[in-house]
């Protein structure tokens, strides 16, 4: 049989592989290009969730510290902030009617802390509250 008849027979019977020799290895090349991009997206997603969780912890601690300072328990508020993971810095602003506490800490996600990203939260409580 000549080559034309073999090619025609392959198309009719559909027994011959459809991949051409020039396509070999393209799946491996596409995988090699796609894998780093997919891993980068996964790491960014994990970092975003971690930074969000850290901000939520700071928000809760800021609200508790604002209430404690409003009641006059400054030492207890400082000890509460000292237990927050990530070495949070506290700044309290006391006005006539409100006590506001701002907490900030470096983001505890590897790679983002080196970039200088900080998570922060602010909460206020009525002064003299009981």
Protein backbone atom coordinates (compact mmCIF):
# COMPACT_ATOMS: atom_id res chain seq x y z
CA UNK A 1 0.00 0.00 0.00
CA UNK A 2 1.19 3.42 -0.75
CA UNK A 3 1.16 6.27 1.80
CA UNK A 4 -1.93 7.96 0.39
CA UNK A 5 -4.05 4.86 0.69
CA UNK A 6 -2.85 4.30 4.28
CA UNK A 7 -3.68 7.89 5.24
CA UNK A 8 -7.12 7.63 3.60
CA UNK A 9 -7.81 4.33 5.30
CA UNK A 10 -6.77 5.78 8.66
CA UNK A 11 -9.19 8.68 8.25
CA UNK A 12 -12.06 6.41 7.25
CA UNK A 13 -11.52 3.77 9.93
CA UNK A 14 -10.25 6.26 12.57
CA UNK A 15 -7.64 3.86 13.89
CA UNK A 16 -4.58 6.02 13.38
CA UNK A 17 -3.49 8.48 16.05
CA UNK A 18 -4.67 11.98 15.31
CA UNK A 19 -1.70 13.73 16.93
CA UNK A 20 0.93 14.92 14.56
CA UNK A 21 4.59 14.50 15.36
CA UNK A 22 4.96 18.27 15.78
CA UNK A 23 2.45 18.29 18.65
CA UNK A 24 4.39 15.93 20.88
CA UNK A 25 5.40 17.49 24.19
CA UNK A 26 2.97 20.38 23.94
CA UNK A 27 0.97 19.18 26.96
CA UNK A 28 4.11 19.06 29.08
CA UNK A 29 5.14 22.53 27.91
CA UNK A 30 1.70 23.98 28.67
CA UNK A 31 1.77 22.36 32.10
CA UNK A 32 5.24 23.75 32.79
CA UNK A 33 4.03 27.26 31.93
CA UNK A 34 0.70 27.01 33.79
CA UNK A 35 1.91 25.42 37.04
CA UNK A 36 3.91 28.41 38.38
CA UNK A 37 1.05 30.80 37.60
CA UNK A 38 -1.45 28.53 39.37
CA UNK A 39 0.81 28.20 42.41
CA UNK A 40 1.25 31.97 42.55
CA UNK A 41 -2.52 32.48 42.52
CA UNK A 42 -2.95 29.93 45.31
CA UNK A 43 -0.28 31.64 47.43
CA UNK A 44 -1.86 35.06 46.88
CA UNK A 45 -5.23 33.64 47.92
CA UNK A 46 -3.78 32.11 51.08
CA UNK A 47 -2.05 35.40 51.88
CA UNK A 48 -5.26 37.38 51.43
CA UNK A 49 -7.24 35.05 53.69
CA UNK A 50 -4.48 35.15 56.32
CA UNK A 51 -4.29 38.96 56.24
CA UNK A 52 -8.08 39.17 56.53
CA UNK A 53 -8.08 36.86 59.54
CA UNK A 54 -5.36 38.95 61.18
CA UNK A 55 -7.39 42.11 60.61
CA UNK A 56 -10.44 40.46 62.18
CA UNK A 57 -8.38 39.52 65.26
CA UNK A 58 -7.10 43.09 65.50
CA UNK A 59 -10.64 44.45 65.19
CA UNK A 60 -11.88 42.34 68.08
CA UNK A 61 -8.92 43.28 70.24
CA UNK A 62 -9.33 46.98 69.42
CA UNK A 63 -13.01 46.89 70.42
CA UNK A 64 -12.21 45.14 73.70
CA UNK A 65 -9.32 47.52 74.45
CA UNK A 66 -11.50 50.58 73.73
CA UNK A 67 -14.15 49.33 76.17
CA UNK A 68 -11.55 48.60 78.83
CA UNK A 69 -9.89 52.01 78.49
CA UNK A 70 -13.31 53.71 78.57
CA UNK A 71 -13.93 52.01 81.95
CA UNK A 72 -10.50 53.14 83.19
CA UNK A 73 -8.76 49.75 83.00
CA UNK A 74 -5.76 50.82 80.93
CA UNK A 75 -3.38 48.14 82.29
CA UNK A 76 -5.83 45.37 81.39
CA UNK A 77 -6.21 46.82 77.88
CA UNK A 78 -2.44 46.89 77.40
CA UNK A 79 -2.13 43.29 78.54
CA UNK A 80 -4.93 42.29 76.16
CA UNK A 81 -3.16 43.96 73.24
CA UNK A 82 0.11 42.29 74.30
CA UNK A 83 -1.51 38.87 73.80
CA UNK A 84 -2.51 39.62 70.20
CA UNK A 85 -0.28 37.69 67.78
CA UNK A 86 2.03 39.81 65.65
CA UNK A 87 3.25 42.41 68.17
CA UNK A 88 0.45 44.90 67.67
CA UNK A 89 1.06 48.58 68.41
CA UNK A 90 -1.74 50.41 70.22
CA UNK A 91 -2.69 54.06 70.01
CA UNK A 92 -5.56 55.38 72.15
CA UNK A 93 -7.31 58.68 71.50
CA UNK A 94 -9.53 59.93 74.32
CA UNK A 95 -12.07 62.64 73.63
CA UNK A 96 -14.96 64.09 75.62
CA UNK A 97 -17.39 61.30 74.79
CA UNK A 98 -15.38 58.64 72.95
CA UNK A 99 -12.30 56.55 73.51
CA UNK A 100 -10.88 55.25 70.22
CA UNK A 101 -8.19 52.59 69.98
CA UNK A 102 -6.17 51.90 66.83
CA UNK A 103 -4.15 48.70 66.59
CA UNK A 104 -1.65 47.98 63.84
CA UNK A 105 0.67 45.05 63.24
CA UNK A 106 2.82 43.82 60.35
CA UNK A 107 1.06 41.30 58.15
CA UNK A 108 2.05 37.81 59.29
CA UNK A 109 2.14 36.31 55.79
CA UNK A 110 5.57 35.27 54.49
CA UNK A 111 6.58 37.57 51.67
CA UNK A 112 4.11 40.32 52.55
CA UNK A 113 5.79 41.30 55.82
CA UNK A 114 8.98 42.10 53.93
CA UNK A 115 6.99 44.41 51.65
CA UNK A 116 5.95 46.52 54.64
CA UNK A 117 2.22 45.76 54.64
CA UNK A 118 0.44 46.44 57.92
CA UNK A 119 -2.95 45.30 59.11
CA UNK A 120 -4.82 47.78 61.26
CA UNK A 121 -8.14 48.15 63.02
CA UNK A 122 -9.89 50.97 64.87
CA UNK A 123 -12.70 50.79 67.40
CA UNK A 124 -14.38 53.34 69.67
CA UNK A 125 -16.33 53.10 72.91
CA UNK A 126 -18.31 55.62 74.95
CA UNK A 127 -16.09 57.27 77.57
CA UNK A 128 -16.98 56.51 81.16
CA UNK A 129 -19.00 53.45 80.13
CA UNK A 130 -19.67 50.80 82.66
